[in-house]
Full PDB file with SEQRES, HELIX, SHEET, SSBOND, CRYST1, ORIGX, SCALE, CONECT and MASTER records, all heavy atoms in Angstrom:
SEQRES   1 A   40  GLN VAL GLN LEU VAL GLU SER GLY GLY GLY LEU VAL GLN          
SEQRES   2 A   40  ALA GLY GLY SER LEU ARG LEU SER CYS ALA ALA SER GLY          
SEQRES   3 A   40  ARG THR PHE SER ARG TYR ALA MET GLY TRP PHE ARG GLN          
SEQRES   4 A   40  ALA                                                          
HELIX    1 AA1 PHE A   29  ARG A   31  5                                   3    
SHEET    1 AA1 2 LEU A   4  SER A   7  0                                        
SHEET    2 AA1 2 SER A  21  ALA A  24 -1                                        
CRYST1    1.000    1.000    1.000  90.00  90.00  90.00 P 1           1          
ORIGX1      1.000000  0.000000  0.000000        0.00000                         
ORIGX2      0.000000  1.000000  0.000000        0.00000                         
ORIGX3      0.000000  0.000000  1.000000        0.00000                         
SCALE1      1.000000  0.000000  0.000000        0.00000                         
SCALE2      0.000000  1.000000  0.000000        0.00000                         
SCALE3      0.000000  0.000000  1.000000        0.00000                         
ATOM      1  N   GLN A   1       0.836  -1.183   0.000  1.00  0.00           N  
ATOM      2  CA  GLN A   1       0.000   0.000   0.000  1.00  0.00           C  
ATOM      3  C   GLN A   1       0.877   1.240   0.000  1.00  0.00           C  
ATOM      4  O   GLN A   1       1.859   1.317   0.749  1.00  0.00           O  
ATOM      5  CB  GLN A   1      -0.903   0.002   1.234  1.00  0.00           C  
ATOM      6  CG  GLN A   1      -1.992   1.046   1.198  1.00  0.00           C  
ATOM      7  CD  GLN A   1      -3.146   0.657   0.301  1.00  0.00           C  
ATOM      8  OE1 GLN A   1      -3.176  -0.446  -0.236  1.00  0.00           O  
ATOM      9  NE2 GLN A   1      -4.082   1.548   0.106  1.00  0.00           N  
ATOM     10  N   VAL A   2       0.522   2.194  -0.825  1.00  0.00           N  
ATOM     11  CA  VAL A   2       1.269   3.454  -0.930  1.00  0.00           C  
ATOM     12  C   VAL A   2       0.305   4.596  -0.702  1.00  0.00           C  
ATOM     13  O   VAL A   2      -0.788   4.627  -1.267  1.00  0.00           O  
ATOM     14  CB  VAL A   2       1.922   3.594  -2.321  1.00  0.00           C  
ATOM     15  CG1 VAL A   2       2.571   4.964  -2.469  1.00  0.00           C  
ATOM     16  CG2 VAL A   2       2.955   2.488  -2.540  1.00  0.00           C  
ATOM     17  N   GLN A   3       0.707   5.525   0.124  1.00  0.00           N  
ATOM     18  CA  GLN A   3      -0.071   6.747   0.319  1.00  0.00           C  
ATOM     19  C   GLN A   3       0.704   7.913  -0.266  1.00  0.00           C  
ATOM     20  O   GLN A   3       1.911   8.021  -0.078  1.00  0.00           O  
ATOM     21  CB  GLN A   3      -0.359   6.966   1.801  1.00  0.00           C  
ATOM     22  CG  GLN A   3      -1.298   5.922   2.389  1.00  0.00           C  
ATOM     23  CD  GLN A   3      -1.672   6.214   3.824  1.00  0.00           C  
ATOM     24  OE1 GLN A   3      -0.874   6.747   4.580  1.00  0.00           O  
ATOM     25  NE2 GLN A   3      -2.884   5.860   4.195  1.00  0.00           N  
ATOM     26  N   LEU A   4      -0.023   8.774  -0.965  1.00  0.00           N  
ATOM     27  CA  LEU A   4       0.584   9.904  -1.666  1.00  0.00           C  
ATOM     28  C   LEU A   4      -0.011  11.208  -1.157  1.00  0.00           C  
ATOM     29  O   LEU A   4      -1.234  11.325  -1.047  1.00  0.00           O  
ATOM     30  CB  LEU A   4       0.345   9.783  -3.168  1.00  0.00           C  
ATOM     31  CG  LEU A   4       0.802   8.476  -3.819  1.00  0.00           C  
ATOM     32  CD1 LEU A   4       0.328   8.414  -5.267  1.00  0.00           C  
ATOM     33  CD2 LEU A   4       2.307   8.321  -3.742  1.00  0.00           C  
ATOM     34  N   VAL A   5       0.854  12.176  -0.880  1.00  0.00           N  
ATOM     35  CA  VAL A   5       0.401  13.477  -0.407  1.00  0.00           C  
ATOM     36  C   VAL A   5       1.072  14.560  -1.236  1.00  0.00           C  
ATOM     37  O   VAL A   5       2.296  14.720  -1.201  1.00  0.00           O  
ATOM     38  CB  VAL A   5       0.725  13.687   1.083  1.00  0.00           C  
ATOM     39  CG1 VAL A   5       0.255  15.064   1.534  1.00  0.00           C  
ATOM     40  CG2 VAL A   5       0.072  12.595   1.931  1.00  0.00           C  
ATOM     41  N   GLU A   6       0.242  15.303  -1.967  1.00  0.00           N  
ATOM     42  CA  GLU A   6       0.753  16.390  -2.793  1.00  0.00           C  
ATOM     43  C   GLU A   6       0.830  17.695  -1.997  1.00  0.00           C  
ATOM     44  O   GLU A   6       0.047  17.913  -1.069  1.00  0.00           O  
ATOM     45  CB  GLU A   6      -0.155  16.627  -4.016  1.00  0.00           C  
ATOM     46  CG  GLU A   6      -0.335  15.443  -4.921  1.00  0.00           C  
ATOM     47  CD  GLU A   6      -1.607  14.681  -4.633  1.00  0.00           C  
ATOM     48  OE1 GLU A   6      -2.089  14.750  -3.478  1.00  0.00           O  
ATOM     49  OE2 GLU A   6      -2.131  14.007  -5.541  1.00  0.00           O  
ATOM     50  N   SER A   7       1.747  18.547  -2.404  1.00  0.00           N  
ATOM     51  CA  SER A   7       1.859  19.879  -1.819  1.00  0.00           C  
ATOM     52  C   SER A   7       2.508  20.800  -2.844  1.00  0.00           C  
ATOM     53  O   SER A   7       3.028  20.342  -3.859  1.00  0.00           O  
ATOM     54  CB  SER A   7       2.684  19.846  -0.532  1.00  0.00           C  
ATOM     55  OG  SER A   7       4.007  19.409  -0.796  1.00  0.00           O  
ATOM     56  N   GLY A   8       2.466  22.094  -2.554  1.00  0.00           N  
ATOM     57  CA  GLY A   8       3.131  23.062  -3.414  1.00  0.00           C  
ATOM     58  C   GLY A   8       2.233  23.840  -4.335  1.00  0.00           C  
ATOM     59  O   GLY A   8       2.689  24.737  -5.047  1.00  0.00           O  
ATOM     60  N   GLY A   9       0.958  23.511  -4.347  1.00  0.00           N  
ATOM     61  CA  GLY A   9       0.039  24.262  -5.191  1.00  0.00           C  
ATOM     62  C   GLY A   9      -0.199  25.657  -4.638  1.00  0.00           C  
ATOM     63  O   GLY A   9       0.227  25.999  -3.540  1.00  0.00           O  
ATOM     64  N   GLY A  10      -0.892  26.462  -5.432  1.00  0.00           N  
ATOM     65  CA  GLY A  10      -1.194  27.812  -4.992  1.00  0.00           C  
ATOM     66  C   GLY A  10      -1.615  28.690  -6.147  1.00  0.00           C  
ATOM     67  O   GLY A  10      -1.911  28.207  -7.237  1.00  0.00           O  
ATOM     68  N   LEU A  11      -1.625  29.984  -5.857  1.00  0.00           N  
ATOM     69  CA  LEU A  11      -2.009  30.991  -6.843  1.00  0.00           C  
ATOM     70  C   LEU A  11      -0.749  31.672  -7.362  1.00  0.00           C  
ATOM     71  O   LEU A  11       0.085  32.130  -6.574  1.00  0.00           O  
ATOM     72  CB  LEU A  11      -2.943  32.016  -6.208  1.00  0.00           C  
ATOM     73  CG  LEU A  11      -3.321  33.229  -7.063  1.00  0.00           C  
ATOM     74  CD1 LEU A  11      -4.112  32.798  -8.288  1.00  0.00           C  
ATOM     75  CD2 LEU A  11      -4.096  34.223  -6.222  1.00  0.00           C  
ATOM     76  N   VAL A  12      -0.619  31.744  -8.676  1.00  0.00           N  
ATOM     77  CA  VAL A  12       0.561  32.357  -9.285  1.00  0.00           C  
ATOM     78  C   VAL A  12       0.130  33.123 -10.531  1.00  0.00           C  
ATOM     79  O   VAL A  12      -0.860  32.763 -11.173  1.00  0.00           O  
ATOM     80  CB  VAL A  12       1.619  31.291  -9.627  1.00  0.00           C  
ATOM     81  CG1 VAL A  12       1.097  30.319 -10.677  1.00  0.00           C  
ATOM     82  CG2 VAL A  12       2.937  31.914 -10.040  1.00  0.00           C  
ATOM     83  N   GLN A  13       0.852  34.167 -10.851  1.00  0.00           N  
ATOM     84  CA  GLN A  13       0.550  34.928 -12.060  1.00  0.00           C  
ATOM     85  C   GLN A  13       1.098  34.191 -13.282  1.00  0.00           C  
ATOM     86  O   GLN A  13       2.067  33.422 -13.189  1.00  0.00           O  
ATOM     87  CB  GLN A  13       1.158  36.319 -11.983  1.00  0.00           C  
ATOM     88  CG  GLN A  13       0.463  37.240 -10.989  1.00  0.00           C  
ATOM     89  CD  GLN A  13       0.986  38.665 -11.074  1.00  0.00           C  
ATOM     90  OE1 GLN A  13       2.121  38.909 -11.449  1.00  0.00           O  
ATOM     91  NE2 GLN A  13       0.127  39.607 -10.719  1.00  0.00           N  
ATOM     92  N   ALA A  14       0.488  34.457 -14.409  1.00  0.00           N  
ATOM     93  CA  ALA A  14       0.961  33.878 -15.661  1.00  0.00           C  
ATOM     94  C   ALA A  14       2.437  34.215 -15.856  1.00  0.00           C  
ATOM     95  O   ALA A  14       2.868  35.341 -15.591  1.00  0.00           O  
ATOM     96  CB  ALA A  14       0.141  34.406 -16.829  1.00  0.00           C  
ATOM     97  N   GLY A  15       3.190  33.226 -16.294  1.00  0.00           N  
ATOM     98  CA  GLY A  15       4.620  33.385 -16.463  1.00  0.00           C  
ATOM     99  C   GLY A  15       5.427  32.973 -15.252  1.00  0.00           C  
ATOM    100  O   GLY A  15       6.658  32.858 -15.332  1.00  0.00           O  
ATOM    101  N   GLY A  16       4.750  32.746 -14.150  1.00  0.00           N  
ATOM    102  CA  GLY A  16       5.429  32.356 -12.931  1.00  0.00           C  
ATOM    103  C   GLY A  16       5.720  30.875 -12.868  1.00  0.00           C  
ATOM    104  O   GLY A  16       5.471  30.120 -13.823  1.00  0.00           O  
ATOM    105  N   SER A  17       6.227  30.452 -11.712  1.00  0.00           N  
ATOM    106  CA  SER A  17       6.637  29.061 -11.515  1.00  0.00           C  
ATOM    107  C   SER A  17       6.102  28.521 -10.198  1.00  0.00           C  
ATOM    108  O   SER A  17       5.895  29.273  -9.248  1.00  0.00           O  
ATOM    109  CB  SER A  17       8.167  28.949 -11.512  1.00  0.00           C  
ATOM    110  OG  SER A  17       8.724  29.353 -12.733  1.00  0.00           O  
ATOM    111  N   LEU A  18       5.906  27.226 -10.176  1.00  0.00           N  
ATOM    112  CA  LEU A  18       5.573  26.494  -8.962  1.00  0.00           C  
ATOM    113  C   LEU A  18       6.275  25.149  -9.021  1.00  0.00           C  
ATOM    114  O   LEU A  18       6.493  24.604 -10.114  1.00  0.00           O  
ATOM    115  CB  LEU A  18       4.064  26.262  -8.834  1.00  0.00           C  
ATOM    116  CG  LEU A  18       3.171  27.422  -8.403  1.00  0.00           C  
ATOM    117  CD1 LEU A  18       1.703  26.993  -8.508  1.00  0.00           C  
ATOM    118  CD2 LEU A  18       3.484  27.874  -6.993  1.00  0.00           C  
ATOM    119  N   ARG A  19       6.583  24.615  -7.873  1.00  0.00           N  
ATOM    120  CA  ARG A  19       7.085  23.248  -7.807  1.00  0.00           C  
ATOM    121  C   ARG A  19       6.163  22.428  -6.919  1.00  0.00           C  
ATOM    122  O   ARG A  19       6.015  22.707  -5.731  1.00  0.00           O  
ATOM    123  CB  ARG A  19       8.511  23.182  -7.264  1.00  0.00           C  
ATOM    124  CG  ARG A  19       9.084  21.767  -7.375  1.00  0.00           C  
ATOM    125  CD  ARG A  19      10.517  21.656  -6.913  1.00  0.00           C  
ATOM    126  NE  ARG A  19      10.644  21.583  -5.459  1.00  0.00           N  
ATOM    127  CZ  ARG A  19      11.679  21.060  -4.830  1.00  0.00           C  
ATOM    128  NH1 ARG A  19      12.703  20.571  -5.527  1.00  0.00           N  
ATOM    129  NH2 ARG A  19      11.724  21.052  -3.512  1.00  0.00           N  
ATOM    130  N   LEU A  20       5.551  21.434  -7.515  1.00  0.00           N  
ATOM    131  CA  LEU A  20       4.707  20.516  -6.772  1.00  0.00           C  
ATOM    132  C   LEU A  20       5.547  19.358  -6.253  1.00  0.00           C  
ATOM    133  O   LEU A  20       6.474  18.904  -6.928  1.00  0.00           O  
ATOM    134  CB  LEU A  20       3.586  19.975  -7.657  1.00  0.00           C  
ATOM    135  CG  LEU A  20       2.686  21.006  -8.329  1.00  0.00           C  
ATOM    136  CD1 LEU A  20       1.569  20.294  -9.095  1.00  0.00           C  
ATOM    137  CD2 LEU A  20       2.129  22.003  -7.354  1.00  0.00           C  
ATOM    138  N   SER A  21       5.197  18.914  -5.067  1.00  0.00           N  
ATOM    139  CA  SER A  21       5.852  17.749  -4.468  1.00  0.00           C  
ATOM    140  C   SER A  21       4.802  16.687  -4.173  1.00  0.00           C  
ATOM    141  O   SER A  21       3.655  17.008  -3.870  1.00  0.00           O  
ATOM    142  CB  SER A  21       6.557  18.129  -3.167  1.00  0.00           C  
ATOM    143  OG  SER A  21       7.552  19.102  -3.387  1.00  0.00           O  
ATOM    144  N   CYS A  22       5.219  15.465  -4.261  1.00  0.00           N  
ATOM    145  CA  CYS A  22       4.353  14.344  -3.916  1.00  0.00           C  
ATOM    146  C   CYS A  22       5.163  13.412  -3.022  1.00  0.00           C  
ATOM    147  O   CYS A  22       6.086  12.740  -3.495  1.00  0.00           O  
ATOM    148  CB  CYS A  22       3.878  13.632  -5.166  1.00  0.00           C  
ATOM    149  SG  CYS A  22       2.953  12.102  -4.844  1.00  0.00           S  
ATOM    150  N   ALA A  23       4.816  13.400  -1.761  1.00  0.00           N  
ATOM    151  CA  ALA A  23       5.519  12.557  -0.801  1.00  0.00           C  
ATOM    152  C   ALA A  23       4.806  11.216  -0.701  1.00  0.00           C  
ATOM    153  O   ALA A  23       3.593  11.171  -0.504  1.00  0.00           O  
ATOM    154  CB  ALA A  23       5.568  13.233   0.555  1.00  0.00           C  
ATOM    155  N   ALA A  24       5.578  10.150  -0.830  1.00  0.00           N  
ATOM    156  CA  ALA A  24       5.009   8.803  -0.810  1.00  0.00           C  
ATOM    157  C   ALA A  24       5.442   8.056   0.436  1.00  0.00           C  
ATOM    158  O   ALA A  24       6.578   8.186   0.889  1.00  0.00           O  
ATOM    159  CB  ALA A  24       5.457   8.042  -2.050  1.00  0.00           C  
ATOM    160  N   SER A  25       4.526   7.283   0.962  1.00  0.00           N  
ATOM    161  CA  SER A  25       4.863   6.400   2.069  1.00  0.00           C  
ATOM    162  C   SER A  25       5.378   5.090   1.505  1.00  0.00           C  
ATOM    163  O   SER A  25       5.214   4.793   0.330  1.00  0.00           O  
ATOM    164  CB  SER A  25       3.638   6.148   2.939  1.00  0.00           C  
ATOM    165  OG  SER A  25       2.679   5.427   2.190  1.00  0.00           O  
ATOM    166  N   GLY A  26       5.987   4.282   2.330  1.00  0.00           N  
ATOM    167  CA  GLY A  26       6.416   2.967   1.863  1.00  0.00           C  
ATOM    168  C   GLY A  26       7.887   2.902   1.553  1.00  0.00           C  
ATOM    169  O   GLY A  26       8.472   3.868   1.072  1.00  0.00           O  
ATOM    170  N   ARG A  27       8.478   1.726   1.809  1.00  0.00           N  
ATOM    171  CA  ARG A  27       9.913   1.571   1.641  1.00  0.00           C  
ATOM    172  C   ARG A  27      10.306   1.160   0.232  1.00  0.00           C  
ATOM    173  O   ARG A  27      11.481   1.114  -0.084  1.00  0.00           O  
ATOM    174  CB  ARG A  27      10.423   0.528   2.629  1.00  0.00           C  
ATOM    175  CG  ARG A  27      10.335   0.974   4.072  1.00  0.00           C  
ATOM    176  CD  ARG A  27      10.687  -0.158   5.017  1.00  0.00           C  
ATOM    177  NE  ARG A  27       9.679  -1.203   4.993  1.00  0.00           N  
ATOM    178  CZ  ARG A  27       9.747  -2.303   5.711  1.00  0.00           C  
ATOM    179  NH1 ARG A  27      10.792  -2.532   6.472  1.00  0.00           N  
ATOM    180  NH2 ARG A  27       8.787  -3.199   5.661  1.00  0.00           N  
ATOM    181  N   THR A  28       9.314   0.869  -0.633  1.00  0.00           N  
ATOM    182  CA  THR A  28       9.640   0.423  -1.984  1.00  0.00           C  
ATOM    183  C   THR A  28       9.347   1.490  -3.022  1.00  0.00           C  
ATOM    184  O   THR A  28       9.120   1.182  -4.184  1.00  0.00           O  
ATOM    185  CB  THR A  28       8.857  -0.855  -2.319  1.00  0.00           C  
ATOM    186  OG1 THR A  28       7.455  -0.578  -2.211  1.00  0.00           O  
ATOM    187  CG2 THR A  28       9.250  -1.993  -1.413  1.00  0.00           C  
ATOM    188  N   PHE A  29       9.393   2.746  -2.609  1.00  0.00           N  
ATOM    189  CA  PHE A  29       9.081   3.854  -3.522  1.00  0.00           C  
ATOM    190  C   PHE A  29       9.906   3.776  -4.792  1.00  0.00           C  
ATOM    191  O   PHE A  29       9.421   4.091  -5.878  1.00  0.00           O  
ATOM    192  CB  PHE A  29       9.325   5.181  -2.811  1.00  0.00           C  
ATOM    193  CG  PHE A  29       9.191   6.381  -3.715  1.00  0.00           C  
ATOM    194  CD1 PHE A  29       7.939   6.850  -4.066  1.00  0.00           C  
ATOM    195  CD2 PHE A  29      10.305   7.035  -4.211  1.00  0.00           C  
ATOM    196  CE1 PHE A  29       7.802   7.957  -4.898  1.00  0.00           C  
ATOM    197  CE2 PHE A  29      10.184   8.136  -5.041  1.00  0.00           C  
ATOM    198  CZ  PHE A  29       8.927   8.607  -5.385  1.00  0.00           C  
ATOM    199  N   SER A  30      11.159   3.376  -4.681  1.00  0.00           N  
ATOM    200  CA  SER A  30      12.045   3.347  -5.841  1.00  0.00           C  
ATOM    201  C   SER A  30      11.582   2.372  -6.914  1.00  0.00           C  
ATOM    202  O   SER A  30      12.076   2.412  -8.035  1.00  0.00           O  
ATOM    203  CB  SER A  30      13.472   3.004  -5.419  1.00  0.00           C  
ATOM    204  OG  SER A  30      13.517   1.716  -4.840  1.00  0.00           O  
ATOM    205  N   ARG A  31      10.641   1.513  -6.588  1.00  0.00           N  
ATOM    206  CA  ARG A  31      10.115   0.544  -7.551  1.00  0.00           C  
ATOM    207  C   ARG A  31       8.789   0.963  -8.161  1.00  0.00           C  
ATOM    208  O   ARG A  31       8.129   0.156  -8.817  1.00  0.00           O  
ATOM    209  CB  ARG A  31       9.944  -0.813  -6.874  1.00  0.00           C  
ATOM    210  CG  ARG A  31      11.263  -1.524  -6.628  1.00  0.00           C  
ATOM    211  CD  ARG A  31      11.939  -1.882  -7.929  1.00  0.00           C  
ATOM    212  NE  ARG A  31      13.187  -2.603  -7.731  1.00  0.00           N  
ATOM    213  CZ  ARG A  31      13.966  -3.021  -8.717  1.00  0.00           C  
ATOM    214  NH1 ARG A  31      13.613  -2.791  -9.968  1.00  0.00           N  
ATOM    215  NH2 ARG A  31      15.090  -3.652  -8.462  1.00  0.00           N  
ATOM    216  N   TYR A  32       8.416   2.207  -7.957  1.00  0.00           N  
ATOM    217  CA  TYR A  32       7.139   2.695  -8.470  1.00  0.00           C  
ATOM    218  C   TYR A  32       7.361   3.707  -9.586  1.00  0.00           C  
ATOM    219  O   TYR A  32       8.147   4.652  -9.435  1.00  0.00           O  
ATOM    220  CB  TYR A  32       6.315   3.342  -7.358  1.00  0.00           C  
ATOM    221  CG  TYR A  32       5.675   2.336  -6.445  1.00  0.00           C  
ATOM    222  CD1 TYR A  32       6.403   1.696  -5.452  1.00  0.00           C  
ATOM    223  CD2 TYR A  32       4.329   2.004  -6.592  1.00  0.00           C  
ATOM    224  CE1 TYR A  32       5.819   0.751  -4.630  1.00  0.00           C  
ATOM    225  CE2 TYR A  32       3.736   1.060  -5.765  1.00  0.00           C  
ATOM    226  CZ  TYR A  32       4.489   0.439  -4.794  1.00  0.00           C  
ATOM    227  OH  TYR A  32       3.906  -0.496  -3.986  1.00  0.00           O  
ATOM    228  N   ALA A  33       6.656   3.523 -10.687  1.00  0.00           N  
ATOM    229  CA  ALA A  33       6.558   4.578 -11.685  1.00  0.00           C  
ATOM    230  C   ALA A  33       5.579   5.621 -11.156  1.00  0.00           C  
ATOM    231  O   ALA A  33       4.582   5.278 -10.512  1.00  0.00           O  
ATOM    232  CB  ALA A  33       6.058   4.006 -13.009  1.00  0.00           C  
ATOM    233  N   MET A  34       5.875   6.873 -11.435  1.00  0.00           N  
ATOM    234  CA  MET A  34       5.076   7.964 -10.899  1.00  0.00           C  
ATOM    235  C   MET A  34       4.541   8.841 -12.023  1.00  0.00           C  
ATOM    236  O   MET A  34       5.187   8.988 -13.077  1.00  0.00           O  
ATOM    237  CB  MET A  34       5.918   8.820  -9.952  1.00  0.00           C  
ATOM    238  CG  MET A  34       6.549   8.053  -8.798  1.00  0.00           C  
ATOM    239  SD  MET A  34       5.316   7.321  -7.697  1.00  0.00           S  
ATOM    240  CE  MET A  34       4.555   8.796  -7.011  1.00  0.00           C  
ATOM    241  N   GLY A  35       3.394   9.425 -11.772  1.00  0.00           N  
ATOM    242  CA  GLY A  35       2.807  10.298 -12.775  1.00  0.00           C  
ATOM    243  C   GLY A  35       2.108  11.486 -12.135  1.00  0.00           C  
ATOM    244  O   GLY A  35       1.746  11.450 -10.953  1.00  0.00           O  
ATOM    245  N   TRP A  36       1.955  12.519 -12.932  1.00  0.00           N  
ATOM    246  CA  TRP A  36       1.153  13.685 -12.544  1.00  0.00           C  
ATOM    247  C   TRP A  36       0.022  13.844 -13.559  1.00  0.00           C  
ATOM    248  O   TRP A  36       0.236  13.751 -14.775  1.00  0.00           O  
ATOM    249  CB  TRP A  36       1.999  14.960 -12.552  1.00  0.00           C  
ATOM    250  CG  TRP A  36       2.942  15.082 -11.404  1.00  0.00           C  
ATOM    251  CD1 TRP A  36       4.268  14.744 -11.386  1.00  0.00           C  
ATOM    252  CD2 TRP A  36       2.641  15.584 -10.097  1.00  0.00           C  
ATOM    253  NE1 TRP A  36       4.803  14.998 -10.154  1.00  0.00           N  
ATOM    254  CE2 TRP A  36       3.831  15.528  -9.337  1.00  0.00           C  
ATOM    255  CE3 TRP A  36       1.487  16.085  -9.480  1.00  0.00           C  
ATOM    256  CZ2 TRP A  36       3.905  15.942  -8.009  1.00  0.00           C  
ATOM    257  CZ3 TRP A  36       1.565  16.497  -8.164  1.00  0.00           C  
ATOM    258  CH2 TRP A  36       2.761  16.428  -7.445  1.00  0.00           C  
ATOM    259  N   PHE A  37      -1.162  14.074 -13.025  1.00  0.00           N  
ATOM    260  CA  PHE A  37      -2.347  14.330 -13.832  1.00  0.00           C  
ATOM    261  C   PHE A  37      -2.981  15.622 -13.337  1.00  0.00           C  
ATOM    262  O   PHE A  37      -2.662  16.100 -12.246  1.00  0.00           O  
ATOM    263  CB  PHE A  37      -3.341  13.175 -13.706  1.00  0.00           C  
ATOM    264  CG  PHE A  37      -2.861  11.896 -14.325  1.00  0.00           C  
ATOM    265  CD1 PHE A  37      -1.912  11.111 -13.695  1.00  0.00           C  
ATOM    266  CD2 PHE A  37      -3.350  11.464 -15.553  1.00  0.00           C  
ATOM    267  CE1 PHE A  37      -1.438   9.934 -14.274  1.00  0.00           C  
ATOM    268  CE2 PHE A  37      -2.903  10.288 -16.137  1.00  0.00           C  
ATOM    269  CZ  PHE A  37      -1.951   9.530 -15.489  1.00  0.00           C  
ATOM    270  N   ARG A  38      -3.885  16.171 -14.124  1.00  0.00           N  
ATOM    271  CA  ARG A  38      -4.595  17.360 -13.686  1.00  0.00           C  
ATOM    272  C   ARG A  38      -6.030  17.328 -14.170  1.00  0.00           C  
ATOM    273  O   ARG A  38      -6.342  16.685 -15.173  1.00  0.00           O  
ATOM    274  CB  ARG A  38      -3.897  18.625 -14.168  1.00  0.00           C  
ATOM    275  CG  ARG A  38      -3.879  18.812 -15.679  1.00  0.00           C  
ATOM    276  CD  ARG A  38      -3.009  20.006 -16.053  1.00  0.00           C  
ATOM    277  NE  ARG A  38      -2.965  20.220 -17.495  1.00  0.00           N  
ATOM    278  CZ  ARG A  38      -2.175  21.108 -18.091  1.00  0.00           C  
ATOM    279  NH1 ARG A  38      -1.359  21.880 -17.354  1.00  0.00           N  
ATOM    280  NH2 ARG A  38      -2.188  21.242 -19.404  1.00  0.00           N  
ATOM    281  N   GLN A  39      -6.871  18.013 -13.438  1.00  0.00           N  
ATOM    282  CA  GLN A  39      -8.276  18.099 -13.816  1.00  0.00           C  
ATOM    283  C   GLN A  39      -8.770  19.511 -13.593  1.00  0.00           C  
ATOM    284  O   GLN A  39      -8.761  20.013 -12.460  1.00  0.00           O  
ATOM    285  CB  GLN A  39      -9.117  17.108 -13.018  1.00  0.00           C  
ATOM    286  CG  GLN A  39     -10.548  17.016 -13.490  1.00  0.00           C  
ATOM    287  CD  GLN A  39     -11.266  15.814 -12.916  1.00  0.00           C  
ATOM    288  OE1 GLN A  39     -10.854  15.225 -11.914  1.00  0.00           O  
ATOM    289  NE2 GLN A  39     -12.353  15.419 -13.552  1.00  0.00           N  
ATOM    290  N   ALA A  40      -9.170  20.136 -14.676  1.00  0.00           N  
ATOM    291  CA  ALA A  40      -9.733  21.479 -14.623  1.00  0.00           C  
ATOM    292  C   ALA A  40     -11.242  21.371 -14.455  1.00  0.00           C  
ATOM    293  O   ALA A  40     -11.842  20.353 -14.808  1.00  0.00           O  
ATOM    294  CB  ALA A  40      -9.389  22.232 -15.899  1.00  0.00           C  
TER     295      ALA A  40                                                      
MASTER        0    0    0    1    2    0    0    6  294    1    0    4          
END                                                                             
């Protein structure tokens, strides 16, 4: 079982930058493919 917690979102002006993080639980994280999706 893996639990994922995202952070780093917020409000930014066009042209700006953000860095999102996704912290995963579990000792086998290195064996997981990871992805980012979005929904407007």
